[in-house]
Structure formats: structure tokens, C-alpha cells
Amino acid sequence: MLPLARGIYSALTQITRNSRAALHTAGALRCKTEPAAETETSADGEETPENTANAAPDPKDRKTVIPVETSIRYLKSAAYKTTYGDDFVWTQYRRNHKGMYAPRKTRKTCIRQGRISTGNPCPICRDEYLVLDYRNTELLKQFISPYSGQVLSYSKTGLCQKSHLRLTVAVEQARDCGLITYDVPFREYDYSEYYEKKEESKQ
């Protein structure tokens, strides 16, 4: 081991300052020529199939806006059936948390600056084709309780706070437009305000 180290040390000492400078300038020139070649190919406008294949879409990017019509068609497609089956969107989702018990509230939002900022986004944020809109009633009905008619809690569905707020707004808009039926709440009246008391009426 010692003779090997001596050989390496002697080889390094033979490199002079001029040769070091030559190595440095050659490396710098090589780095400068590579971006120049890329700009020339892009200026010509000819893209090779290798470059287009390497530029795959980012799965965490959420800057593109998906229209509601596309989301409605997606809910009826075979891709949706293979992904979710006959279950609801939120059925198979499990929250990530420290310890035995989950926090009472879910995270504030899953998407920050147009990108998914967490490793386990909520059921709505993870699938970009699930658009919360008052016209997308098939999706909204998955988050409404069939017994009470109320929107399910985020502790059960696992939605982030921002998505849950958008869900409640979309459900209220759908009810106002008559796209989702709901039971009118029972009104309780104080009849003493409308009728006189019996004792007063006798007198």
C-alpha cells in the first residue's frame, strides 16, 4: 500500500501549473460548448425524438387547468374503473401521520405554487382529473352522506382543508341550482308568538 501511495504522490507532483491551467481551461471550454450546441439545435426548430421522449410531463405539476367536461367524461371512463373500481374516491385512501392517533385536522393544502408539495396528497389533489365543480354531481355525491344528506367530514374522507372548503362550496352551489336534491330542514315555530294563551282568551 505504501509504494502505491508514493507512486501516486510522485505522479501528482509532476503536474506543473501550466498543465493544471490547461486542464482547467479545457474543462471550461467543454462546458461552454455544450449549451451552445443545445441552443443551435433549438434555434433550428428540429427536435429529435430522443429529446421529446426525455421531456416527460411532471406528475406533480398541477398548473394545467382541467375542464369540468373532461372530469365528467373521466368518471365514466374505463381508466376510472380500473383505478377506483366500484368504491368511492376516498375509500382506499389512508392518511400518513406520526404515532398511533391521527391529528384532528388534516393538512392545510396539498398543492403549493402549482406543484404537489407532499408525498401523500389527499384523494382530490392526487388525481388531477377529479375537478370539484357544481356541475360534476357524480363526484360530489361521493362526499355526501346518504343518511343525513350532509357533507362528510374531512376526518373520514381525508381531504385537505382547502379541498374540503371547495367541496362544501360546490355542494351548496349544486343545491342552489337544483342539481342535487336535499331534504328541507324541519322548522320549529314558537306558537306563543302567533296565538294568545288560553287563560287570557277566557278572561
C-alpha atoms as a PDB file:
ATOM      1  CA  MET A   1       0.000   0.000   0.000  1.00  0.00           C
ATOM      2  CA  LEU A   2       2.850   2.369   0.815  1.00  0.00           C
ATOM      3  CA  PRO A   3       4.631   2.048  -2.580  1.00  0.00           C
ATOM      4  CA  LEU A   4       1.311   2.667  -4.336  1.00  0.00           C
ATOM      5  CA  ALA A   5       0.775   5.873  -2.371  1.00  0.00           C
ATOM      6  CA  ARG A   6       4.319   7.006  -3.163  1.00  0.00           C
ATOM      7  CA  GLY A   7       3.727   6.409  -6.869  1.00  0.00           C
ATOM      8  CA  ILE A   8       0.539   8.459  -6.852  1.00  0.00           C
ATOM      9  CA  TYR A   9       2.232  11.274  -4.944  1.00  0.00           C
ATOM     10  CA  SER A  10       5.146  11.394  -7.383  1.00  0.00           C
ATOM     11  CA  ALA A  11       2.756  11.467 -10.357  1.00  0.00           C
ATOM     12  CA  LEU A  12       0.845  14.358  -8.840  1.00  0.00           C
ATOM     13  CA  THR A  13       3.985  16.361  -8.190  1.00  0.00           C
ATOM     14  CA  GLN A  14       4.962  16.066 -11.852  1.00  0.00           C
ATOM     15  CA  ILE A  15       1.880  18.017 -12.910  1.00  0.00           C
ATOM     16  CA  THR A  16       3.008  21.615 -13.323  1.00  0.00           C
ATOM     17  CA  ARG A  17       0.982  24.772 -13.025  1.00  0.00           C
ATOM     18  CA  ASN A  18       0.790  25.144 -16.793  1.00  0.00           C
ATOM     19  CA  SER A  19      -0.700  21.715 -17.266  1.00  0.00           C
ATOM     20  CA  ARG A  20      -3.186  22.383 -14.454  1.00  0.00           C
ATOM     21  CA  ALA A  21      -4.250  25.606 -16.135  1.00  0.00           C
ATOM     22  CA  ALA A  22      -4.574  23.787 -19.441  1.00  0.00           C
ATOM     23  CA  LEU A  23      -6.807  21.148 -17.852  1.00  0.00           C
ATOM     24  CA  HIS A  24      -8.946  23.853 -16.245  1.00  0.00           C
ATOM     25  CA  THR A  25      -9.419  25.863 -19.458  1.00  0.00           C
ATOM     26  CA  ALA A  26     -10.184  22.715 -21.463  1.00  0.00           C
ATOM     27  CA  GLY A  27     -12.894  21.742 -18.987  1.00  0.00           C
ATOM     28  CA  ALA A  28     -14.358  25.254 -19.015  1.00  0.00           C
ATOM     29  CA  LEU A  29     -14.391  25.386 -22.817  1.00  0.00           C
ATOM     30  CA  ARG A  30     -16.085  21.985 -22.998  1.00  0.00           C
ATOM     31  CA  CYS A  31     -18.798  23.194 -20.585  1.00  0.00           C
ATOM     32  CA  LYS A  32     -19.375  26.314 -22.682  1.00  0.00           C
ATOM     33  CA  THR A  33     -19.658  24.435 -25.970  1.00  0.00           C
ATOM     34  CA  GLU A  34     -22.370  22.031 -24.767  1.00  0.00           C
ATOM     35  CA  PRO A  35     -25.033  24.724 -24.056  1.00  0.00           C
ATOM     36  CA  ALA A  36     -24.112  26.450 -27.312  1.00  0.00           C
ATOM     37  CA  ALA A  37     -24.784  23.250 -29.237  1.00  0.00           C
ATOM     38  CA  GLU A  38     -28.146  22.886 -27.500  1.00  0.00           C
ATOM     39  CA  THR A  39     -29.166  26.450 -28.397  1.00  0.00           C
ATOM     40  CA  GLU A  40     -28.203  25.897 -32.041  1.00  0.00           C
ATOM     41  CA  THR A  41     -30.409  22.814 -32.283  1.00  0.00           C
ATOM     42  CA  SER A  42     -33.310  24.617 -30.601  1.00  0.00           C
ATOM     43  CA  ALA A  43     -32.890  27.626 -32.922  1.00  0.00           C
ATOM     44  CA  ASP A  44     -33.167  25.368 -35.965  1.00  0.00           C
ATOM     45  CA  GLY A  45     -36.506  24.139 -34.637  1.00  0.00           C
ATOM     46  CA  GLU A  46     -35.718  20.480 -35.209  1.00  0.00           C
ATOM     47  CA  GLU A  47     -36.413  18.361 -32.145  1.00  0.00           C
ATOM     48  CA  THR A  48     -35.104  14.853 -32.127  1.00  0.00           C
ATOM     49  CA  PRO A  49     -37.402  12.098 -30.831  1.00  0.00           C
ATOM     50  CA  GLU A  50     -34.889  11.347 -28.078  1.00  0.00           C
ATOM     51  CA  ASN A  51     -35.242  14.868 -26.636  1.00  0.00           C
ATOM     52  CA  THR A  52     -39.028  14.740 -26.742  1.00  0.00           C
ATOM     53  CA  ALA A  53     -39.051  11.350 -25.032  1.00  0.00           C
ATOM     54  CA  ASN A  54     -36.804  12.619 -22.238  1.00  0.00           C
ATOM     55  CA  ALA A  55     -39.068  15.639 -21.614  1.00  0.00           C
ATOM     56  CA  ALA A  56     -41.816  13.636 -19.874  1.00  0.00           C
ATOM     57  CA  PRO A  57     -44.621  15.535 -18.094  1.00  0.00           C
ATOM     58  CA  ASP A  58     -44.056  16.162 -14.416  1.00  0.00           C
ATOM     59  CA  PRO A  59     -46.552  14.080 -12.373  1.00  0.00           C
ATOM     60  CA  LYS A  60     -46.501  16.653  -9.544  1.00  0.00           C
ATOM     61  CA  ASP A  61     -47.323  19.611 -11.788  1.00  0.00           C
ATOM     62  CA  ARG A  62     -50.820  20.998 -11.240  1.00  0.00           C
ATOM     63  CA  LYS A  63     -50.606  24.249 -13.228  1.00  0.00           C
ATOM     64  CA  THR A  64     -52.676  22.961 -16.150  1.00  0.00           C
ATOM     65  CA  VAL A  65     -56.396  23.547 -15.624  1.00  0.00           C
ATOM     66  CA  ILE A  66     -58.567  20.524 -16.443  1.00  0.00           C
ATOM     67  CA  PRO A  67     -62.068  21.483 -17.689  1.00  0.00           C
ATOM     68  CA  VAL A  68     -65.144  20.124 -15.944  1.00  0.00           C
ATOM     69  CA  GLU A  69     -66.353  18.324 -19.066  1.00  0.00           C
ATOM     70  CA  THR A  70     -63.140  16.272 -19.124  1.00  0.00           C
ATOM     71  CA  SER A  71     -63.635  15.348 -15.462  1.00  0.00           C
ATOM     72  CA  ILE A  72     -67.221  14.215 -16.116  1.00  0.00           C
ATOM     73  CA  ARG A  73     -66.061  12.029 -19.018  1.00  0.00           C
ATOM     74  CA  TYR A  74     -63.243  10.651 -16.844  1.00  0.00           C
ATOM     75  CA  LEU A  75     -65.724   9.459 -14.207  1.00  0.00           C
ATOM     76  CA  LYS A  76     -67.458   7.352 -16.883  1.00  0.00           C
ATOM     77  CA  SER A  77     -64.253   6.019 -18.471  1.00  0.00           C
ATOM     78  CA  ALA A  78     -62.561   2.636 -18.149  1.00  0.00           C
ATOM     79  CA  ALA A  79     -59.454   4.261 -16.626  1.00  0.00           C
ATOM     80  CA  TYR A  80     -61.524   5.428 -13.656  1.00  0.00           C
ATOM     81  CA  LYS A  81     -62.995   1.938 -13.250  1.00  0.00           C
ATOM     82  CA  THR A  82     -59.563   0.295 -13.199  1.00  0.00           C
ATOM     83  CA  THR A  83     -58.228   2.860 -10.716  1.00  0.00           C
ATOM     84  CA  TYR A  84     -61.085   3.043  -8.201  1.00  0.00           C
ATOM     85  CA  GLY A  85     -63.419   0.189  -9.136  1.00  0.00           C
ATOM     86  CA  ASP A  86     -66.870   0.461  -7.554  1.00  0.00           C
ATOM     87  CA  ASP A  87     -65.543   2.215  -4.424  1.00  0.00           C
ATOM     88  CA  PHE A  88     -65.661   5.903  -3.691  1.00  0.00           C
ATOM     89  CA  VAL A  89     -62.643   8.065  -4.450  1.00  0.00           C
ATOM     90  CA  TRP A  90     -61.729   8.397  -0.762  1.00  0.00           C
ATOM     91  CA  THR A  91     -62.373   4.788   0.345  1.00  0.00           C
ATOM     92  CA  GLN A  92     -58.874   3.359  -0.211  1.00  0.00           C
ATOM     93  CA  TYR A  93     -57.043   6.491   0.980  1.00  0.00           C
ATOM     94  CA  ARG A  94     -55.088   6.309   4.242  1.00  0.00           C
ATOM     95  CA  ARG A  95     -53.507   9.277   5.992  1.00  0.00           C
ATOM     96  CA  ASN A  96     -49.821   9.443   6.854  1.00  0.00           C
ATOM     97  CA  HIS A  97     -49.160  10.599  10.402  1.00  0.00           C
ATOM     98  CA  LYS A  98     -46.797  10.146  13.301  1.00  0.00           C
ATOM     99  CA  GLY A  99     -47.779   7.973  16.208  1.00  0.00           C
ATOM    100  CA  MET A 100     -50.849   5.892  16.840  1.00  0.00           C
ATOM    101  CA  TYR A 101     -53.541   8.564  16.537  1.00  0.00           C
ATOM    102  CA  ALA A 102     -54.058  10.855  13.565  1.00  0.00           C
ATOM    103  CA  PRO A 103     -54.222  14.632  14.115  1.00  0.00           C
ATOM    104  CA  ARG A 104     -57.716  16.032  14.475  1.00  0.00           C
ATOM    105  CA  LYS A 105     -57.340  18.287  11.432  1.00  0.00           C
ATOM    106  CA  THR A 106     -55.918  17.343   8.045  1.00  0.00           C
ATOM    107  CA  ARG A 107     -53.190  19.401   6.369  1.00  0.00           C
ATOM    108  CA  LYS A 108     -53.937  22.903   5.137  1.00  0.00           C
ATOM    109  CA  THR A 109     -53.275  22.213   1.449  1.00  0.00           C
ATOM    110  CA  CYS A 110     -51.512  19.644  -0.723  1.00  0.00           C
ATOM    111  CA  ILE A 111     -50.630  21.951  -3.640  1.00  0.00           C
ATOM    112  CA  ARG A 112     -48.290  24.922  -3.244  1.00  0.00           C
ATOM    113  CA  GLN A 113     -47.154  27.144  -6.131  1.00  0.00           C
ATOM    114  CA  GLY A 114     -48.709  24.841  -8.712  1.00  0.00           C
ATOM    115  CA  ARG A 115     -46.968  21.666  -7.511  1.00  0.00           C
ATOM    116  CA  ILE A 116     -47.834  18.842  -5.122  1.00  0.00           C
ATOM    117  CA  SER A 117     -45.779  19.614  -2.022  1.00  0.00           C
ATOM    118  CA  THR A 118     -46.419  16.431  -0.057  1.00  0.00           C
ATOM    119  CA  GLY A 119     -45.690  12.755  -0.504  1.00  0.00           C
ATOM    120  CA  ASN A 120     -49.233  11.599   0.278  1.00  0.00           C
ATOM    121  CA  PRO A 121     -51.734  14.092  -1.175  1.00  0.00           C
ATOM    122  CA  CYS A 122     -55.446  13.872  -0.436  1.00  0.00           C
ATOM    123  CA  PRO A 123     -57.823  11.970  -2.776  1.00  0.00           C
ATOM    124  CA  ILE A 124     -58.821  15.085  -4.739  1.00  0.00           C
ATOM    125  CA  CYS A 125     -55.357  16.638  -5.077  1.00  0.00           C
ATOM    126  CA  ARG A 126     -53.628  13.409  -6.124  1.00  0.00           C
ATOM    127  CA  ASP A 127     -55.827  12.903  -9.213  1.00  0.00           C
ATOM    128  CA  GLU A 128     -55.814  15.966 -11.450  1.00  0.00           C
ATOM    129  CA  TYR A 129     -58.899  14.784 -13.358  1.00  0.00           C
ATOM    130  CA  LEU A 130     -61.121  14.969 -10.269  1.00  0.00           C
ATOM    131  CA  VAL A 131     -62.435  18.524 -10.560  1.00  0.00           C
ATOM    132  CA  LEU A 132     -64.690  19.867  -7.799  1.00  0.00           C
ATOM    133  CA  ASP A 133     -67.428  21.789  -9.572  1.00  0.00           C
ATOM    134  CA  TYR A 134     -71.165  22.176  -9.022  1.00  0.00           C
ATOM    135  CA  ARG A 135     -71.836  20.582 -12.441  1.00  0.00           C
ATOM    136  CA  ASN A 136     -69.815  17.461 -11.572  1.00  0.00           C
ATOM    137  CA  THR A 137     -72.575  15.910  -9.471  1.00  0.00           C
ATOM    138  CA  GLU A 138     -71.340  12.313  -9.752  1.00  0.00           C
ATOM    139  CA  LEU A 139     -68.178  13.280  -7.885  1.00  0.00           C
ATOM    140  CA  LEU A 140     -69.968  15.461  -5.338  1.00  0.00           C
ATOM    141  CA  LYS A 141     -72.419  12.691  -4.395  1.00  0.00           C
ATOM    142  CA  GLN A 142     -69.492  10.533  -3.256  1.00  0.00           C
ATOM    143  CA  PHE A 143     -68.834  13.015  -0.449  1.00  0.00           C
ATOM    144  CA  ILE A 144     -72.465  13.366   0.716  1.00  0.00           C
ATOM    145  CA  SER A 145     -73.848  11.075   3.405  1.00  0.00           C
ATOM    146  CA  PRO A 146     -76.829   9.027   2.125  1.00  0.00           C
ATOM    147  CA  TYR A 147     -78.410   9.071   5.606  1.00  0.00           C
ATOM    148  CA  SER A 148     -78.191  12.691   6.714  1.00  0.00           C
ATOM    149  CA  GLY A 149     -77.575  14.419   3.376  1.00  0.00           C
ATOM    150  CA  GLN A 150     -74.694  16.396   4.879  1.00  0.00           C
ATOM    151  CA  VAL A 151     -71.148  16.664   3.513  1.00  0.00           C
ATOM    152  CA  LEU A 152     -68.902  14.020   5.059  1.00  0.00           C
ATOM    153  CA  SER A 153     -66.236  15.219   7.479  1.00  0.00           C
ATOM    154  CA  TYR A 154     -62.629  15.597   6.357  1.00  0.00           C
ATOM    155  CA  SER A 155     -61.612  13.244   9.159  1.00  0.00           C
ATOM    156  CA  LYS A 156     -63.439  10.465   7.280  1.00  0.00           C
ATOM    157  CA  THR A 157     -62.633  11.410   3.682  1.00  0.00           C
ATOM    158  CA  GLY A 158     -59.062  12.598   4.335  1.00  0.00           C
ATOM    159  CA  LEU A 159     -59.401  15.753   2.230  1.00  0.00           C
ATOM    160  CA  CYS A 160     -57.085  18.666   2.934  1.00  0.00           C
ATOM    161  CA  GLN A 161     -58.688  21.825   4.325  1.00  0.00           C
ATOM    162  CA  LYS A 162     -58.567  23.679   1.009  1.00  0.00           C
ATOM    163  CA  SER A 163     -60.195  20.837  -0.942  1.00  0.00           C
ATOM    164  CA  HIS A 164     -62.850  20.382   1.755  1.00  0.00           C
ATOM    165  CA  LEU A 165     -63.738  24.073   1.540  1.00  0.00           C
ATOM    166  CA  ARG A 166     -64.007  23.860  -2.255  1.00  0.00           C
ATOM    167  CA  LEU A 167     -66.176  20.744  -1.843  1.00  0.00           C
ATOM    168  CA  THR A 168     -68.638  22.439   0.515  1.00  0.00           C
ATOM    169  CA  VAL A 169     -68.896  25.464  -1.807  1.00  0.00           C
ATOM    170  CA  ALA A 170     -69.524  23.227  -4.841  1.00  0.00           C
ATOM    171  CA  VAL A 171     -72.210  21.235  -2.986  1.00  0.00           C
ATOM    172  CA  GLU A 172     -74.010  24.428  -1.915  1.00  0.00           C
ATOM    173  CA  GLN A 173     -73.876  25.765  -5.481  1.00  0.00           C
ATOM    174  CA  ALA A 174     -75.256  22.474  -6.838  1.00  0.00           C
ATOM    175  CA  ARG A 175     -78.120  22.592  -4.316  1.00  0.00           C
ATOM    176  CA  ASP A 176     -78.901  26.201  -5.233  1.00  0.00           C
ATOM    177  CA  CYS A 177     -79.000  25.284  -8.935  1.00  0.00           C
ATOM    178  CA  GLY A 178     -81.195  22.244  -8.275  1.00  0.00           C
ATOM    179  CA  LEU A 179     -78.645  19.682  -9.477  1.00  0.00           C
ATOM    180  CA  ILE A 180     -78.566  17.828  -6.132  1.00  0.00           C
ATOM    181  CA  THR A 181     -81.731  17.041  -4.176  1.00  0.00           C
ATOM    182  CA  TYR A 182     -81.788  17.515  -0.422  1.00  0.00           C
ATOM    183  CA  ASP A 183     -84.265  17.425   2.435  1.00  0.00           C
ATOM    184  CA  VAL A 184     -85.615  20.746   3.613  1.00  0.00           C
ATOM    185  CA  PRO A 185     -84.773  21.180   7.307  1.00  0.00           C
ATOM    186  CA  PHE A 186     -87.690  20.876   9.709  1.00  0.00           C
ATOM    187  CA  ARG A 187     -88.793  24.225  11.097  1.00  0.00           C
ATOM    188  CA  GLU A 188     -89.827  24.580  14.715  1.00  0.00           C
ATOM    189  CA  TYR A 189     -92.087  27.510  15.473  1.00  0.00           C
ATOM    190  CA  ASP A 190     -92.864  29.179  18.760  1.00  0.00           C
ATOM    191  CA  TYR A 191     -96.685  29.237  18.604  1.00  0.00           C
ATOM    192  CA  SER A 192     -96.928  31.599  21.550  1.00  0.00           C
ATOM    193  CA  GLU A 193     -95.904  34.331  19.162  1.00  0.00           C
ATOM    194  CA  TYR A 194     -98.897  33.585  16.925  1.00  0.00           C
ATOM    195  CA  TYR A 195    -101.689  32.581  19.355  1.00  0.00           C
ATOM    196  CA  GLU A 196    -102.852  34.037  22.620  1.00  0.00           C
ATOM    197  CA  LYS A 197    -102.648  31.995  25.787  1.00  0.00           C
ATOM    198  CA  LYS A 198    -105.778  30.120  26.869  1.00  0.00           C
ATOM    199  CA  GLU A 199    -106.068  31.945  30.197  1.00  0.00           C
ATOM    200  CA  GLU A 200    -106.011  35.324  28.524  1.00  0.00           C
ATOM    201  CA  SER A 201    -108.583  34.224  25.968  1.00  0.00           C
ATOM    202  CA  LYS A 202    -111.013  33.060  28.741  1.00  0.00           C
ATOM    203  CA  GLN A 203    -110.823  36.398  30.530  1.00  0.00           C
END
